[in-house]
């Protein structure tokens, strides 16, 4: 698949939202019940991504150009939460297993390293555990993640040590 990874801009917020919802709705049902999938995407808006960028979260998008418009295939983010560096990657279902997620993760990881991170932590959805394991993350526990809708979903807490890289 031919795509480009670049730093996201506020103008990408609608495309990021579309990719995020597609990921949840196309990949999520293989791991969660319908109510959890609905709650997962229920309160997502384009304004959330623009606001996150304005607060300093670093976001990256994978873009595939076509005749009509640039399509956001997925996105990644890096943010600092207190002293913890966090990352996330979401990919449209049709773009999964084609190198898009790995490329997006590498962009977020590079941003984290540039910001002084020695490790990355994530609350991985059950759908993403194997993906993150292939990137060097290790499971540190299991529990729940509270969604913006207020509902909780099962997740796996994971950590990647960057000190040896």
C-alpha atoms as a PDB file:
ATOM      1  CA  UNK A   1       0.000   0.000   0.000  1.00  0.00           C
ATOM      2  CA  UNK A   2       1.322   3.421  -0.956  1.00  0.00           C
ATOM      3  CA  UNK A   3       0.999   5.984   1.853  1.00  0.00           C
ATOM      4  CA  UNK A   4       2.783   8.883   3.511  1.00  0.00           C
ATOM      5  CA  UNK A   5       3.192   9.538   7.243  1.00  0.00           C
ATOM      6  CA  UNK A   6       3.331  13.141   8.335  1.00  0.00           C
ATOM      7  CA  UNK A   7       2.673  15.283  11.394  1.00  0.00           C
ATOM      8  CA  UNK A   8      -1.040  15.907  11.822  1.00  0.00           C
ATOM      9  CA  UNK A   9      -2.522  19.382  11.598  1.00  0.00           C
ATOM     10  CA  UNK A  10      -5.785  20.664  13.082  1.00  0.00           C
ATOM     11  CA  UNK A  11      -7.264  20.518   9.572  1.00  0.00           C
ATOM     12  CA  UNK A  12      -6.808  16.719   9.722  1.00  0.00           C
ATOM     13  CA  UNK A  13      -9.182  16.359  12.686  1.00  0.00           C
ATOM     14  CA  UNK A  14     -12.177  15.210  10.601  1.00  0.00           C
ATOM     15  CA  UNK A  15     -10.051  12.596   8.825  1.00  0.00           C
ATOM     16  CA  UNK A  16      -8.578  11.407  12.119  1.00  0.00           C
ATOM     17  CA  UNK A  17     -12.081  11.027  13.545  1.00  0.00           C
ATOM     18  CA  UNK A  18     -13.205   9.030  10.497  1.00  0.00           C
ATOM     19  CA  UNK A  19     -10.184   6.713  10.738  1.00  0.00           C
ATOM     20  CA  UNK A  20     -10.631   6.278  14.501  1.00  0.00           C
ATOM     21  CA  UNK A  21     -14.318   5.382  14.171  1.00  0.00           C
ATOM     22  CA  UNK A  22     -13.602   3.033  11.259  1.00  0.00           C
ATOM     23  CA  UNK A  23     -10.947   1.252  13.324  1.00  0.00           C
ATOM     24  CA  UNK A  24     -13.269   0.838  16.297  1.00  0.00           C
ATOM     25  CA  UNK A  25     -16.224  -0.294  14.198  1.00  0.00           C
ATOM     26  CA  UNK A  26     -14.360  -2.605  11.812  1.00  0.00           C
ATOM     27  CA  UNK A  27     -11.760  -4.194  14.111  1.00  0.00           C
ATOM     28  CA  UNK A  28     -13.372  -3.813  17.544  1.00  0.00           C
ATOM     29  CA  UNK A  29     -16.281  -6.264  17.036  1.00  0.00           C
ATOM     30  CA  UNK A  30     -13.807  -9.138  16.793  1.00  0.00           C
ATOM     31  CA  UNK A  31     -12.833  -8.512  20.428  1.00  0.00           C
ATOM     32  CA  UNK A  32     -15.709  -6.672  22.150  1.00  0.00           C
ATOM     33  CA  UNK A  33     -19.477  -6.890  22.334  1.00  0.00           C
ATOM     34  CA  UNK A  34     -21.686  -4.451  20.404  1.00  0.00           C
ATOM     35  CA  UNK A  35     -22.383  -2.248  23.445  1.00  0.00           C
ATOM     36  CA  UNK A  36     -18.668  -1.789  24.180  1.00  0.00           C
ATOM     37  CA  UNK A  37     -17.944  -0.957  20.542  1.00  0.00           C
ATOM     38  CA  UNK A  38     -20.779   1.592  20.536  1.00  0.00           C
ATOM     39  CA  UNK A  39     -19.571   3.186  23.783  1.00  0.00           C
ATOM     40  CA  UNK A  40     -15.962   3.250  22.535  1.00  0.00           C
ATOM     41  CA  UNK A  41     -16.804   5.609  19.693  1.00  0.00           C
ATOM     42  CA  UNK A  42     -19.811   7.361  21.223  1.00  0.00           C
ATOM     43  CA  UNK A  43     -18.230  10.618  22.342  1.00  0.00           C
ATOM     44  CA  UNK A  44     -15.449  11.038  19.820  1.00  0.00           C
ATOM     45  CA  UNK A  45     -15.497  14.309  17.875  1.00  0.00           C
ATOM     46  CA  UNK A  46     -13.078  16.046  15.548  1.00  0.00           C
ATOM     47  CA  UNK A  47     -12.718  18.790  18.163  1.00  0.00           C
ATOM     48  CA  UNK A  48     -11.110  16.303  20.571  1.00  0.00           C
ATOM     49  CA  UNK A  49      -8.164  15.753  18.216  1.00  0.00           C
ATOM     50  CA  UNK A  50      -7.733  19.441  17.441  1.00  0.00           C
ATOM     51  CA  UNK A  51      -7.827  20.194  21.172  1.00  0.00           C
ATOM     52  CA  UNK A  52      -5.259  17.484  21.909  1.00  0.00           C
ATOM     53  CA  UNK A  53      -2.900  18.965  19.307  1.00  0.00           C
ATOM     54  CA  UNK A  54      -3.413  22.445  20.782  1.00  0.00           C
ATOM     55  CA  UNK A  55      -2.460  21.054  24.232  1.00  0.00           C
ATOM     56  CA  UNK A  56       0.785  19.722  22.812  1.00  0.00           C
ATOM     57  CA  UNK A  57      -0.034  16.114  21.998  1.00  0.00           C
ATOM     58  CA  UNK A  58       1.974  15.087  18.959  1.00  0.00           C
ATOM     59  CA  UNK A  59      -0.138  13.388  16.331  1.00  0.00           C
ATOM     60  CA  UNK A  60       0.766  11.792  13.033  1.00  0.00           C
ATOM     61  CA  UNK A  61      -1.401  10.666  10.133  1.00  0.00           C
ATOM     62  CA  UNK A  62      -0.927   8.154   7.358  1.00  0.00           C
ATOM     63  CA  UNK A  63      -2.366   9.562   4.148  1.00  0.00           C
ATOM     64  CA  UNK A  64      -3.211   7.820   0.911  1.00  0.00           C
ATOM     65  CA  UNK A  65      -4.014  10.256  -1.827  1.00  0.00           C
ATOM     66  CA  UNK A  66      -6.721   9.501  -4.345  1.00  0.00           C
ATOM     67  CA  UNK A  67      -8.531  11.441  -7.047  1.00  0.00           C
ATOM     68  CA  UNK A  68     -11.115  12.904  -4.677  1.00  0.00           C
ATOM     69  CA  UNK A  69      -9.206  13.741  -1.512  1.00  0.00           C
ATOM     70  CA  UNK A  70      -6.473  12.600   0.820  1.00  0.00           C
ATOM     71  CA  UNK A  71      -7.775   9.742   2.931  1.00  0.00           C
ATOM     72  CA  UNK A  72      -6.496   9.368   6.495  1.00  0.00           C
ATOM     73  CA  UNK A  73      -5.688   5.662   6.815  1.00  0.00           C
ATOM     74  CA  UNK A  74      -4.848   5.960  10.494  1.00  0.00           C
ATOM     75  CA  UNK A  75      -3.155   8.042  13.137  1.00  0.00           C
ATOM     76  CA  UNK A  76      -0.781   7.815  16.055  1.00  0.00           C
ATOM     77  CA  UNK A  77      -0.147  10.044  19.010  1.00  0.00           C
ATOM     78  CA  UNK A  78       2.426  10.742  21.678  1.00  0.00           C
ATOM     79  CA  UNK A  79       1.572  12.593  24.854  1.00  0.00           C
ATOM     80  CA  UNK A  80       3.109  13.088  28.243  1.00  0.00           C
ATOM     81  CA  UNK A  81       0.776  12.295  31.128  1.00  0.00           C
ATOM     82  CA  UNK A  82       2.564  13.534  34.239  1.00  0.00           C
ATOM     83  CA  UNK A  83       5.895  11.716  33.943  1.00  0.00           C
ATOM     84  CA  UNK A  84       4.553   8.905  31.772  1.00  0.00           C
ATOM     85  CA  UNK A  85       4.929   8.955  28.002  1.00  0.00           C
ATOM     86  CA  UNK A  86       1.908   7.422  26.265  1.00  0.00           C
ATOM     87  CA  UNK A  87       1.200   6.480  22.703  1.00  0.00           C
ATOM     88  CA  UNK A  88      -1.724   5.166  20.666  1.00  0.00           C
ATOM     89  CA  UNK A  89      -2.207   3.929  17.124  1.00  0.00           C
ATOM     90  CA  UNK A  90      -5.502   3.470  15.264  1.00  0.00           C
ATOM     91  CA  UNK A  91      -5.803   2.183  11.697  1.00  0.00           C
ATOM     92  CA  UNK A  92      -8.783   1.782   9.380  1.00  0.00           C
ATOM     93  CA  UNK A  93      -9.733  -1.876   9.072  1.00  0.00           C
ATOM     94  CA  UNK A  94      -8.933  -1.900   5.345  1.00  0.00           C
ATOM     95  CA  UNK A  95      -5.392  -0.643   6.069  1.00  0.00           C
ATOM     96  CA  UNK A  96      -4.567  -3.196   8.785  1.00  0.00           C
ATOM     97  CA  UNK A  97      -1.573  -5.514   8.310  1.00  0.00           C
ATOM     98  CA  UNK A  98      -0.075  -3.419   5.513  1.00  0.00           C
ATOM     99  CA  UNK A  99       2.656  -1.551   7.412  1.00  0.00           C
ATOM    100  CA  UNK A 100       0.586   1.563   8.109  1.00  0.00           C
ATOM    101  CA  UNK A 101       0.327   1.030  11.864  1.00  0.00           C
ATOM    102  CA  UNK A 102       4.016   0.222  12.252  1.00  0.00           C
ATOM    103  CA  UNK A 103       5.018   3.335  10.322  1.00  0.00           C
ATOM    104  CA  UNK A 104       2.685   5.476  12.418  1.00  0.00           C
ATOM    105  CA  UNK A 105       4.032   3.954  15.622  1.00  0.00           C
ATOM    106  CA  UNK A 106       7.635   4.666  14.581  1.00  0.00           C
ATOM    107  CA  UNK A 107       6.735   8.357  14.108  1.00  0.00           C
ATOM    108  CA  UNK A 108       5.176   8.563  17.590  1.00  0.00           C
ATOM    109  CA  UNK A 109       8.070   6.621  19.116  1.00  0.00           C
ATOM    110  CA  UNK A 110      10.607   9.005  17.541  1.00  0.00           C
ATOM    111  CA  UNK A 111       8.679  11.966  18.969  1.00  0.00           C
ATOM    112  CA  UNK A 112       8.713  10.333  22.411  1.00  0.00           C
ATOM    113  CA  UNK A 113      12.452   9.701  22.255  1.00  0.00           C
ATOM    114  CA  UNK A 114      13.045  13.297  21.145  1.00  0.00           C
ATOM    115  CA  UNK A 115      11.011  14.406  24.185  1.00  0.00           C
ATOM    116  CA  UNK A 116      13.272  12.404  26.502  1.00  0.00           C
ATOM    117  CA  UNK A 117      11.135   9.301  27.006  1.00  0.00           C
ATOM    118  CA  UNK A 118      12.883   6.178  28.283  1.00  0.00           C
ATOM    119  CA  UNK A 119       9.713   4.099  28.033  1.00  0.00           C
ATOM    120  CA  UNK A 120       6.234   4.175  26.535  1.00  0.00           C
ATOM    121  CA  UNK A 121       3.045   2.972  28.215  1.00  0.00           C
ATOM    122  CA  UNK A 122      -0.301   2.092  26.710  1.00  0.00           C
ATOM    123  CA  UNK A 123      -3.690   0.778  27.721  1.00  0.00           C
ATOM    124  CA  UNK A 124      -4.007  -1.536  24.720  1.00  0.00           C
ATOM    125  CA  UNK A 125      -7.392  -2.644  23.489  1.00  0.00           C
ATOM    126  CA  UNK A 126      -7.687  -6.407  23.183  1.00  0.00           C
ATOM    127  CA  UNK A 127      -7.635  -5.864  19.418  1.00  0.00           C
ATOM    128  CA  UNK A 128      -4.195  -4.231  19.550  1.00  0.00           C
ATOM    129  CA  UNK A 129      -2.267  -6.472  21.964  1.00  0.00           C
ATOM    130  CA  UNK A 130      -0.544  -8.574  19.302  1.00  0.00           C
ATOM    131  CA  UNK A 131       0.295  -5.461  17.270  1.00  0.00           C
ATOM    132  CA  UNK A 132       2.019  -3.830  20.242  1.00  0.00           C
ATOM    133  CA  UNK A 133       3.845  -7.046  21.156  1.00  0.00           C
ATOM    134  CA  UNK A 134       5.408  -7.107  17.675  1.00  0.00           C
ATOM    135  CA  UNK A 135       6.672  -3.576  18.367  1.00  0.00           C
ATOM    136  CA  UNK A 136       8.456  -4.636  21.557  1.00  0.00           C
ATOM    137  CA  UNK A 137       5.828  -3.885  24.203  1.00  0.00           C
ATOM    138  CA  UNK A 138       5.438  -6.227  27.158  1.00  0.00           C
ATOM    139  CA  UNK A 139       2.309  -6.845  29.174  1.00  0.00           C
ATOM    140  CA  UNK A 140       2.422  -5.359  32.675  1.00  0.00           C
ATOM    141  CA  UNK A 141      -1.151  -6.175  33.710  1.00  0.00           C
ATOM    142  CA  UNK A 142      -4.780  -6.416  32.730  1.00  0.00           C
ATOM    143  CA  UNK A 143      -7.709  -4.285  33.718  1.00  0.00           C
ATOM    144  CA  UNK A 144     -10.128  -1.775  32.301  1.00  0.00           C
ATOM    145  CA  UNK A 145      -9.822   1.507  30.496  1.00  0.00           C
ATOM    146  CA  UNK A 146     -12.450   4.209  31.054  1.00  0.00           C
ATOM    147  CA  UNK A 147     -13.790   5.521  27.757  1.00  0.00           C
ATOM    148  CA  UNK A 148     -14.814   9.129  27.121  1.00  0.00           C
ATOM    149  CA  UNK A 149     -18.406   7.862  27.255  1.00  0.00           C
ATOM    150  CA  UNK A 150     -17.826   6.888  30.905  1.00  0.00           C
ATOM    151  CA  UNK A 151     -18.078   3.163  30.156  1.00  0.00           C
ATOM    152  CA  UNK A 152     -15.184   0.799  30.775  1.00  0.00           C
ATOM    153  CA  UNK A 153     -13.633  -1.739  28.443  1.00  0.00           C
ATOM    154  CA  UNK A 154     -11.172  -4.546  29.038  1.00  0.00           C
ATOM    155  CA  UNK A 155      -7.597  -3.668  28.179  1.00  0.00           C
ATOM    156  CA  UNK A 156      -4.038  -4.844  28.590  1.00  0.00           C
ATOM    157  CA  UNK A 157      -1.523  -2.503  30.207  1.00  0.00           C
ATOM    158  CA  UNK A 158       1.734  -2.576  28.260  1.00  0.00           C
ATOM    159  CA  UNK A 159       5.154  -0.953  28.429  1.00  0.00           C
ATOM    160  CA  UNK A 160       8.082  -0.627  26.064  1.00  0.00           C
ATOM    161  CA  UNK A 161      11.532   0.204  27.381  1.00  0.00           C
ATOM    162  CA  UNK A 162      13.273   2.688  25.088  1.00  0.00           C
ATOM    163  CA  UNK A 163      16.495   2.938  27.105  1.00  0.00           C
ATOM    164  CA  UNK A 164      18.208   0.178  25.123  1.00  0.00           C
ATOM    165  CA  UNK A 165      17.484   1.772  21.755  1.00  0.00           C
END
